[in-house]
C-alpha atoms as a PDB file:
ATOM      1  CA  MET A   1       1.823 154.834-137.932  1.00  0.00           C
ATOM      2  CA  PRO A   2       0.864 153.510-141.780  1.00  0.00           C
ATOM      3  CA  SER A   3      -1.738 155.314-142.864  1.00  0.00           C
ATOM      4  CA  SER A   4      -4.631 153.583-143.203  1.00  0.00           C
ATOM      5  CA  PRO A   5      -6.125 152.266-146.554  1.00  0.00           C
ATOM      6  CA  ASP A   6      -8.495 154.072-147.149  1.00  0.00           C
ATOM      7  CA  LYS A   7      -6.569 157.057-146.783  1.00  0.00           C
ATOM      8  CA  ARG A   8      -3.558 155.605-148.829  1.00  0.00           C
ATOM      9  CA  ILE A   9      -6.187 155.017-151.826  1.00  0.00           C
ATOM     10  CA  ASN A  10      -8.006 158.497-151.171  1.00  0.00           C
ATOM     11  CA  SER A  11      -4.170 160.239-151.909  1.00  0.00           C
ATOM     12  CA  LEU A  12      -3.686 158.280-155.613  1.00  0.00           C
ATOM     13  CA  LYS A  13      -7.678 159.489-156.724  1.00  0.00           C
ATOM     14  CA  LYS A  14      -6.978 162.105-159.517  1.00  0.00           C
ATOM     15  CA  GLN A  15      -8.057 165.054-159.491  1.00  0.00           C
ATOM     16  CA  TYR A  16     -10.843 167.449-160.825  1.00  0.00           C
ATOM     17  CA  GLY A  17     -13.097 170.003-160.142  1.00  0.00           C
ATOM     18  CA  LEU A  18     -14.665 173.732-160.843  1.00  0.00           C
ATOM     19  CA  ILE A  19     -13.079 177.290-160.767  1.00  0.00           C
ATOM     20  CA  GLY A  20     -15.314 179.953-160.250  1.00  0.00           C
ATOM     21  CA  TYR A  21     -17.349 182.454-158.176  1.00  0.00           C
ATOM     22  CA  PRO A  22     -19.580 182.016-156.901  1.00  0.00           C
ATOM     23  CA  LEU A  23     -19.829 177.529-156.996  1.00  0.00           C
ATOM     24  CA  SER A  24     -23.030 177.239-154.984  1.00  0.00           C
ATOM     25  CA  HIS A  25     -25.325 176.905-157.363  1.00  0.00           C
ATOM     26  CA  SER A  26     -23.082 174.591-159.305  1.00  0.00           C
ATOM     27  CA  PHE A  27     -24.503 171.152-160.253  1.00  0.00           C
ATOM     28  CA  SER A  28     -20.866 169.787-161.509  1.00  0.00           C
ATOM     29  CA  ARG A  29     -19.811 168.295-158.550  1.00  0.00           C
ATOM     30  CA  LYS A  30     -23.153 166.505-158.088  1.00  0.00           C
ATOM     31  CA  TYR A  31     -23.467 165.058-162.091  1.00  0.00           C
ATOM     32  CA  PHE A  32     -19.899 164.203-161.764  1.00  0.00           C
ATOM     33  CA  SER A  33     -20.134 162.591-158.223  1.00  0.00           C
ATOM     34  CA  GLU A  34     -23.042 160.545-159.676  1.00  0.00           C
ATOM     35  CA  LYS A  35     -21.218 159.631-163.263  1.00  0.00           C
ATOM     36  CA  PHE A  36     -17.937 158.082-161.418  1.00  0.00           C
ATOM     37  CA  GLU A  37     -20.913 156.302-158.889  1.00  0.00           C
ATOM     38  CA  ARG A  38     -22.940 154.925-162.260  1.00  0.00           C
ATOM     39  CA  GLU A  39     -20.146 153.930-163.832  1.00  0.00           C
ATOM     40  CA  HIS A  40     -18.097 152.300-160.994  1.00  0.00           C
ATOM     41  CA  ILE A  41     -15.118 154.690-161.532  1.00  0.00           C
ATOM     42  CA  ILE A  42     -13.329 155.159-157.534  1.00  0.00           C
ATOM     43  CA  ASP A  43     -10.101 156.587-158.297  1.00  0.00           C
ATOM     44  CA  CYS A  44     -11.369 159.530-159.266  1.00  0.00           C
ATOM     45  CA  GLU A  45     -12.858 162.942-157.347  1.00  0.00           C
ATOM     46  CA  TYR A  46     -14.318 166.089-158.420  1.00  0.00           C
ATOM     47  CA  THR A  47     -14.251 168.691-156.104  1.00  0.00           C
ATOM     48  CA  LEU A  48     -15.735 172.727-156.659  1.00  0.00           C
ATOM     49  CA  PHE A  49     -12.509 175.114-155.547  1.00  0.00           C
ATOM     50  CA  GLU A  50     -14.457 178.439-155.009  1.00  0.00           C
ATOM     51  CA  ILE A  51     -11.997 181.432-155.602  1.00  0.00           C
ATOM     52  CA  ASN A  52     -12.840 184.939-155.390  1.00  0.00           C
ATOM     53  CA  LYS A  53      -9.688 186.196-157.849  1.00  0.00           C
ATOM     54  CA  ILE A  54      -8.541 184.168-160.309  1.00  0.00           C
ATOM     55  CA  GLU A  55      -4.819 184.330-159.105  1.00  0.00           C
ATOM     56  CA  LEU A  56      -5.733 181.777-156.321  1.00  0.00           C
ATOM     57  CA  VAL A  57      -5.788 179.106-159.191  1.00  0.00           C
ATOM     58  CA  GLU A  58      -2.083 178.425-158.732  1.00  0.00           C
ATOM     59  CA  GLU A  59      -2.970 177.129-155.476  1.00  0.00           C
ATOM     60  CA  VAL A  60      -5.716 174.770-157.052  1.00  0.00           C
ATOM     61  CA  PHE A  61      -2.951 173.814-159.420  1.00  0.00           C
ATOM     62  CA  GLN A  62      -0.778 172.877-157.207  1.00  0.00           C
ATOM     63  CA  LYS A  63      -3.585 170.118-155.564  1.00  0.00           C
ATOM     64  CA  GLU A  64      -2.059 166.689-155.852  1.00  0.00           C
ATOM     65  CA  ASN A  65      -2.686 164.320-158.973  1.00  0.00           C
ATOM     66  CA  LEU A  66      -4.936 167.310-160.551  1.00  0.00           C
ATOM     67  CA  GLN A  67      -5.545 166.035-164.103  1.00  0.00           C
ATOM     68  CA  GLY A  68      -7.683 169.122-164.812  1.00  0.00           C
ATOM     69  CA  PHE A  69     -10.248 171.315-163.977  1.00  0.00           C
ATOM     70  CA  ASN A  70     -13.994 173.305-165.549  1.00  0.00           C
ATOM     71  CA  VAL A  71     -14.080 176.940-165.781  1.00  0.00           C
ATOM     72  CA  THR A  72     -17.106 178.939-164.659  1.00  0.00           C
ATOM     73  CA  ILE A  73     -17.746 182.823-164.133  1.00  0.00           C
ATOM     74  CA  PRO A  74     -16.418 184.889-164.286  1.00  0.00           C
ATOM     75  CA  TYR A  75     -12.542 183.270-165.245  1.00  0.00           C
ATOM     76  CA  LYS A  76     -13.544 181.495-168.514  1.00  0.00           C
ATOM     77  CA  HIS A  77     -11.414 184.338-170.266  1.00  0.00           C
ATOM     78  CA  GLU A  78      -9.063 185.343-167.129  1.00  0.00           C
ATOM     79  CA  ILE A  79      -7.342 181.514-167.112  1.00  0.00           C
ATOM     80  CA  MET A  80      -6.575 181.799-170.046  1.00  0.00           C
ATOM     81  CA  LYS A  81      -3.543 183.644-169.097  1.00  0.00           C
ATOM     82  CA  TYR A  82      -2.498 180.625-167.034  1.00  0.00           C
ATOM     83  CA  MET A  83      -2.354 178.734-169.892  1.00  0.00           C
ATOM     84  CA  ASP A  84       0.548 176.937-171.503  1.00  0.00           C
ATOM     85  CA  ASP A  85      -1.181 176.263-174.570  1.00  0.00           C
ATOM     86  CA  PHE A  86      -4.857 176.092-176.651  1.00  0.00           C
ATOM     87  CA  ASP A  87      -7.028 173.658-178.403  1.00  0.00           C
ATOM     88  CA  HIS A  88      -8.022 174.648-181.334  1.00  0.00           C
ATOM     89  CA  SER A  89     -11.686 174.560-179.550  1.00  0.00           C
ATOM     90  CA  ALA A  90     -10.581 177.698-177.485  1.00  0.00           C
ATOM     91  CA  LYS A  91      -8.257 179.203-179.840  1.00  0.00           C
ATOM     92  CA  LYS A  92     -11.907 179.562-182.087  1.00  0.00           C
ATOM     93  CA  VAL A  93     -14.042 180.695-179.108  1.00  0.00           C
ATOM     94  CA  GLY A  94     -11.164 183.061-177.426  1.00  0.00           C
ATOM     95  CA  ALA A  95     -12.797 181.988-173.764  1.00  0.00           C
ATOM     96  CA  VAL A  96     -11.859 178.215-171.689  1.00  0.00           C
ATOM     97  CA  ASN A  97     -14.307 176.310-170.073  1.00  0.00           C
ATOM     98  CA  VAL A  98     -11.762 173.113-169.608  1.00  0.00           C
ATOM     99  CA  VAL A  99      -8.315 173.007-168.073  1.00  0.00           C
ATOM    100  CA  LYS A 100      -6.385 169.488-168.656  1.00  0.00           C
ATOM    101  CA  ILE A 101      -3.308 168.673-167.100  1.00  0.00           C
ATOM    102  CA  ASN A 102      -0.878 166.422-169.840  1.00  0.00           C
ATOM    103  CA  SER A 103       1.262 163.720-168.619  1.00  0.00           C
ATOM    104  CA  SER A 104       4.375 166.713-169.087  1.00  0.00           C
ATOM    105  CA  GLY A 105       1.992 169.161-166.330  1.00  0.00           C
ATOM    106  CA  LYS A 106       1.338 170.900-169.357  1.00  0.00           C
ATOM    107  CA  ARG A 107      -2.010 173.083-169.033  1.00  0.00           C
ATOM    108  CA  ILE A 108      -3.413 173.272-171.702  1.00  0.00           C
ATOM    109  CA  GLY A 109      -6.904 175.534-172.010  1.00  0.00           C
ATOM    110  CA  PHE A 110      -9.972 173.926-173.794  1.00  0.00           C
ATOM    111  CA  ASN A 111     -13.977 175.318-174.614  1.00  0.00           C
ATOM    112  CA  SER A 112     -16.705 172.394-174.932  1.00  0.00           C
ATOM    113  CA  ASP A 113     -19.461 175.310-173.898  1.00  0.00           C
ATOM    114  CA  TYR A 114     -19.299 175.304-178.010  1.00  0.00           C
ATOM    115  CA  TYR A 115     -20.345 171.761-178.210  1.00  0.00           C
ATOM    116  CA  GLY A 116     -22.484 171.640-175.538  1.00  0.00           C
ATOM    117  CA  PHE A 117     -24.798 174.874-177.090  1.00  0.00           C
ATOM    118  CA  ARG A 118     -24.410 173.571-180.566  1.00  0.00           C
ATOM    119  CA  ALA A 119     -25.915 169.972-179.672  1.00  0.00           C
ATOM    120  CA  SER A 120     -28.393 171.452-176.934  1.00  0.00           C
ATOM    121  CA  LEU A 121     -29.609 174.233-179.938  1.00  0.00           C
ATOM    122  CA  GLU A 122     -29.307 172.214-183.092  1.00  0.00           C
ATOM    123  CA  LYS A 123     -31.655 169.630-180.839  1.00  0.00           C
ATOM    124  CA  TRP A 124     -33.922 172.734-179.951  1.00  0.00           C
ATOM    125  CA  LEU A 125     -34.806 174.748-182.285  1.00  0.00           C
ATOM    126  CA  PRO A 126     -37.146 173.708-185.477  1.00  0.00           C
ATOM    127  CA  ASN A 127     -35.552 172.654-188.845  1.00  0.00           C
ATOM    128  CA  GLU A 128     -37.661 175.080-190.614  1.00  0.00           C
ATOM    129  CA  LYS A 129     -37.832 178.072-188.658  1.00  0.00           C
ATOM    130  CA  LYS A 130     -35.276 181.190-189.395  1.00  0.00           C
ATOM    131  CA  PHE A 131     -33.889 182.652-187.638  1.00  0.00           C
ATOM    132  CA  ARG A 132     -32.229 185.955-185.873  1.00  0.00           C
ATOM    133  CA  ALA A 133     -31.676 186.135-182.715  1.00  0.00           C
ATOM    134  CA  LEU A 134     -29.826 188.372-179.512  1.00  0.00           C
ATOM    135  CA  ILE A 135     -27.235 187.599-177.528  1.00  0.00           C
ATOM    136  CA  LEU A 136     -27.448 189.076-173.640  1.00  0.00           C
ATOM    137  CA  GLY A 137     -24.123 189.836-172.404  1.00  0.00           C
ATOM    138  CA  ALA A 138     -20.862 190.498-173.926  1.00  0.00           C
ATOM    139  CA  GLY A 139     -18.651 187.784-171.311  1.00  0.00           C
ATOM    140  CA  GLY A 140     -17.026 184.651-171.989  1.00  0.00           C
ATOM    141  CA  ALA A 141     -20.482 182.585-172.040  1.00  0.00           C
ATOM    142  CA  ALA A 142     -21.097 185.024-174.889  1.00  0.00           C
ATOM    143  CA  LYS A 143     -18.137 183.748-176.232  1.00  0.00           C
ATOM    144  CA  ALA A 144     -18.814 179.705-177.524  1.00  0.00           C
ATOM    145  CA  VAL A 145     -22.911 180.629-178.916  1.00  0.00           C
ATOM    146  CA  ILE A 146     -21.291 183.582-180.808  1.00  0.00           C
ATOM    147  CA  GLU A 147     -19.533 181.277-182.263  1.00  0.00           C
ATOM    148  CA  VAL A 148     -21.881 178.363-183.051  1.00  0.00           C
ATOM    149  CA  LEU A 149     -24.557 181.149-183.617  1.00  0.00           C
ATOM    150  CA  ASN A 150     -22.119 182.133-186.613  1.00  0.00           C
ATOM    151  CA  ASP A 151     -20.985 178.529-187.841  1.00  0.00           C
ATOM    152  CA  LEU A 152     -25.261 177.675-187.876  1.00  0.00           C
ATOM    153  CA  SER A 153     -25.419 180.885-190.038  1.00  0.00           C
ATOM    154  CA  ILE A 154     -28.117 182.548-187.475  1.00  0.00           C
ATOM    155  CA  PRO A 155     -27.506 186.015-188.135  1.00  0.00           C
ATOM    156  CA  PHE A 156     -27.293 188.042-184.060  1.00  0.00           C
ATOM    157  CA  LEU A 157     -27.077 191.619-182.344  1.00  0.00           C
ATOM    158  CA  ILE A 158     -25.323 191.844-178.757  1.00  0.00           C
ATOM    159  CA  ILE A 159     -26.807 193.076-176.148  1.00  0.00           C
ATOM    160  CA  SER A 160     -24.513 194.439-173.891  1.00  0.00           C
ATOM    161  CA  ARG A 161     -24.662 196.688-170.873  1.00  0.00           C
ATOM    162  CA  ASN A 162     -21.137 198.130-171.935  1.00  0.00           C
ATOM    163  CA  LYS A 163     -22.239 200.088-175.200  1.00  0.00           C
ATOM    164  CA  ASN A 164     -18.046 199.439-176.494  1.00  0.00           C
ATOM    165  CA  LYS A 165     -18.788 195.349-176.071  1.00  0.00           C
ATOM    166  CA  GLY A 166     -22.084 194.783-177.636  1.00  0.00           C
ATOM    167  CA  ASP A 167     -24.076 196.180-180.616  1.00  0.00           C
ATOM    168  CA  PHE A 168     -27.147 197.446-178.466  1.00  0.00           C
ATOM    169  CA  THR A 169     -27.379 198.404-175.113  1.00  0.00           C
ATOM    170  CA  TYR A 170     -30.798 197.128-173.054  1.00  0.00           C
ATOM    171  CA  LEU A 171     -31.371 201.112-173.196  1.00  0.00           C
ATOM    172  CA  GLU A 172     -31.368 201.457-176.753  1.00  0.00           C
ATOM    173  CA  LEU A 173     -33.105 197.920-176.688  1.00  0.00           C
ATOM    174  CA  LYS A 174     -35.591 199.434-175.292  1.00  0.00           C
ATOM    175  CA  SER A 175     -36.332 202.322-177.150  1.00  0.00           C
ATOM    176  CA  ASP A 176     -36.052 200.368-180.361  1.00  0.00           C
ATOM    177  CA  PRO A 177     -38.816 197.882-179.961  1.00  0.00           C
ATOM    178  CA  GLU A 178     -38.381 196.458-183.937  1.00  0.00           C
ATOM    179  CA  ILE A 179     -35.133 195.302-182.798  1.00  0.00           C
ATOM    180  CA  LEU A 180     -36.706 192.786-180.481  1.00  0.00           C
ATOM    181  CA  MET A 181     -39.506 191.838-182.410  1.00  0.00           C
ATOM    182  CA  SER A 182     -37.280 191.055-185.405  1.00  0.00           C
ATOM    183  CA  HIS A 183     -35.079 188.506-182.785  1.00  0.00           C
ATOM    184  CA  GLU A 184     -37.335 185.811-182.121  1.00  0.00           C
ATOM    185  CA  LEU A 185     -34.495 183.782-180.298  1.00  0.00           C
ATOM    186  CA  ILE A 186     -32.936 185.271-177.274  1.00  0.00           C
ATOM    187  CA  ILE A 187     -29.968 183.484-175.489  1.00  0.00           C
ATOM    188  CA  ASN A 188     -29.192 184.896-172.110  1.00  0.00           C
ATOM    189  CA  THR A 189     -25.592 184.729-171.686  1.00  0.00           C
ATOM    190  CA  THR A 190     -25.587 186.823-168.114  1.00  0.00           C
ATOM    191  CA  PRO A 191     -25.843 185.171-164.709  1.00  0.00           C
ATOM    192  CA  LEU A 192     -29.046 187.486-164.221  1.00  0.00           C
ATOM    193  CA  GLY A 193     -31.690 184.684-162.620  1.00  0.00           C
ATOM    194  CA  MET A 194     -28.776 182.331-160.967  1.00  0.00           C
ATOM    195  CA  SER A 195     -29.459 180.866-157.625  1.00  0.00           C
ATOM    196  CA  PRO A 196     -29.724 182.143-155.323  1.00  0.00           C
ATOM    197  CA  LYS A 197     -30.249 186.161-156.833  1.00  0.00           C
ATOM    198  CA  ILE A 198     -33.461 184.226-158.552  1.00  0.00           C
ATOM    199  CA  ASP A 199     -35.345 187.121-158.560  1.00  0.00           C
ATOM    200  CA  GLU A 200     -33.265 189.298-161.327  1.00  0.00           C
ATOM    201  CA  LYS A 201     -33.671 188.661-164.991  1.00  0.00           C
ATOM    202  CA  PRO A 202     -32.525 190.834-167.484  1.00  0.00           C
ATOM    203  CA  GLU A 203     -34.015 194.331-168.532  1.00  0.00           C
ATOM    204  CA  ILE A 204     -35.761 193.336-171.597  1.00  0.00           C
ATOM    205  CA  ASP A 205     -39.537 193.498-173.131  1.00  0.00           C
ATOM    206  CA  TYR A 206     -41.315 191.136-172.343  1.00  0.00           C
ATOM    207  CA  GLY A 207     -44.511 192.533-173.385  1.00  0.00           C
ATOM    208  CA  LEU A 208     -43.152 192.321-176.885  1.00  0.00           C
ATOM    209  CA  LEU A 209     -42.723 188.643-176.871  1.00  0.00           C
ATOM    210  CA  THR A 210     -45.457 185.886-178.410  1.00  0.00           C
ATOM    211  CA  ALA A 211     -45.293 182.176-179.234  1.00  0.00           C
ATOM    212  CA  ASP A 212     -43.023 182.813-182.374  1.00  0.00           C
ATOM    213  CA  PHE A 213     -40.337 184.306-179.703  1.00  0.00           C
ATOM    214  CA  TYR A 214     -37.486 181.065-177.980  1.00  0.00           C
ATOM    215  CA  LEU A 215     -35.869 182.159-175.479  1.00  0.00           C
ATOM    216  CA  TYR A 216     -32.683 180.220-174.025  1.00  0.00           C
ATOM    217  CA  ASP A 217     -31.077 180.302-170.735  1.00  0.00           C
ATOM    218  CA  LEU A 218     -27.254 179.071-170.332  1.00  0.00           C
ATOM    219  CA  ILE A 219     -28.058 179.004-166.174  1.00  0.00           C
ATOM    220  CA  TYR A 220     -29.804 176.002-164.917  1.00  0.00           C
ATOM    221  CA  ASN A 221     -30.126 176.654-161.475  1.00  0.00           C
ATOM    222  CA  PRO A 222     -33.106 177.651-161.006  1.00  0.00           C
ATOM    223  CA  PRO A 223     -34.776 175.102-163.672  1.00  0.00           C
ATOM    224  CA  THR A 224     -36.865 178.186-164.602  1.00  0.00           C
ATOM    225  CA  THR A 225     -35.410 181.114-164.221  1.00  0.00           C
ATOM    226  CA  LYS A 226     -37.016 184.481-164.526  1.00  0.00           C
ATOM    227  CA  PHE A 227     -36.472 185.310-167.474  1.00  0.00           C
ATOM    228  CA  MET A 228     -38.088 182.182-169.031  1.00  0.00           C
ATOM    229  CA  ALA A 229     -41.357 182.881-166.395  1.00  0.00           C
ATOM    230  CA  GLU A 230     -41.964 185.969-168.293  1.00  0.00           C
ATOM    231  CA  GLY A 231     -40.638 184.681-171.364  1.00  0.00           C
ATOM    232  CA  GLN A 232     -43.825 181.994-170.592  1.00  0.00           C
ATOM    233  CA  LYS A 233     -46.643 184.278-169.703  1.00  0.00           C
ATOM    234  CA  TRP A 234     -45.960 185.364-173.231  1.00  0.00           C
ATOM    235  CA  GLY A 235     -46.040 182.067-175.624  1.00  0.00           C
ATOM    236  CA  ALA A 236     -42.482 182.313-175.733  1.00  0.00           C
ATOM    237  CA  LYS A 237     -40.992 178.456-176.002  1.00  0.00           C
ATOM    238  CA  THR A 238     -37.785 178.595-173.394  1.00  0.00           C
ATOM    239  CA  LYS A 239     -34.952 175.618-172.473  1.00  0.00           C
ATOM    240  CA  ASN A 240     -32.927 175.686-170.097  1.00  0.00           C
ATOM    241  CA  GLY A 241     -29.108 175.249-169.812  1.00  0.00           C
ATOM    242  CA  MET A 242     -29.368 171.645-168.128  1.00  0.00           C
ATOM    243  CA  GLU A 243     -28.793 169.994-171.030  1.00  0.00           C
ATOM    244  CA  MET A 244     -25.968 172.007-172.368  1.00  0.00           C
ATOM    245  CA  LEU A 245     -24.136 171.502-169.063  1.00  0.00           C
ATOM    246  CA  GLU A 246     -24.399 167.848-168.636  1.00  0.00           C
ATOM    247  CA  LEU A 247     -23.504 167.518-172.822  1.00  0.00           C
ATOM    248  CA  GLN A 248     -20.622 169.450-171.958  1.00  0.00           C
ATOM    249  CA  ALA A 249     -19.501 167.849-169.103  1.00  0.00           C
ATOM    250  CA  GLU A 250     -19.606 164.716-170.768  1.00  0.00           C
ATOM    251  CA  LYS A 251     -17.176 166.480-173.294  1.00  0.00           C
ATOM    252  CA  SER A 252     -14.979 167.269-170.345  1.00  0.00           C
ATOM    253  CA  TRP A 253     -14.684 164.094-169.234  1.00  0.00           C
ATOM    254  CA  GLU A 254     -13.769 163.059-173.006  1.00  0.00           C
ATOM    255  CA  ILE A 255     -10.728 165.758-172.839  1.00  0.00           C
ATOM    256  CA  TRP A 256      -8.924 164.905-169.732  1.00  0.00           C
ATOM    257  CA  ASN A 257      -8.966 160.911-170.734  1.00  0.00           C
ATOM    258  CA  SER A 258      -7.802 161.732-174.199  1.00  0.00           C
END
């Protein structure tokens, strides 16, 4: 029995998606589904590929008509060993959040987080103020932040649970209040506070914050994380990662279609 017209159209759709674990918090499918509808793109589909170990990405690569996918926590670094080549953006950052499958089947890694974070941060921070920054976390998401701060000449320190991965541990940060007080831009790159675990937050001394502080959380779900809410109590300006998500998503689309 021949396939129905709907099924034939479906099988011809270009496939895109997102790998990571967990993905219950992700807005990416909603974002791209709305984009496809708004822009009358009928030949594309965006799917969430929740994989609990990176080796399962090989099953994703077998999807018919796969054009590429985004990569989120915790695989932005681990995915690199599955690439055939890298764009300069991924080489610069040392992490991949966009994979493109080119016409010959080659897997190429890109990084659109750099673009999204930089554009969002530059729009938000006041031009007249000089900042020093604390980066909370030293994982794949922090890599793009590090490159952006380097390129914007914003000095920074990395705070990590593991002393070997950062400049200070959270315990050391708490024992020396001057470190936090002299760094008025604080960027959370950890998943602490991300849905569904919305009561978590990085362990910093929020009582030291003032209206001079700017807290940027890469998390976008929930819209106001515990990290942001604690900062707001003390008058700090806060921003979530939704604008960054949207900017990097559009950059991903540009990469897949270039």
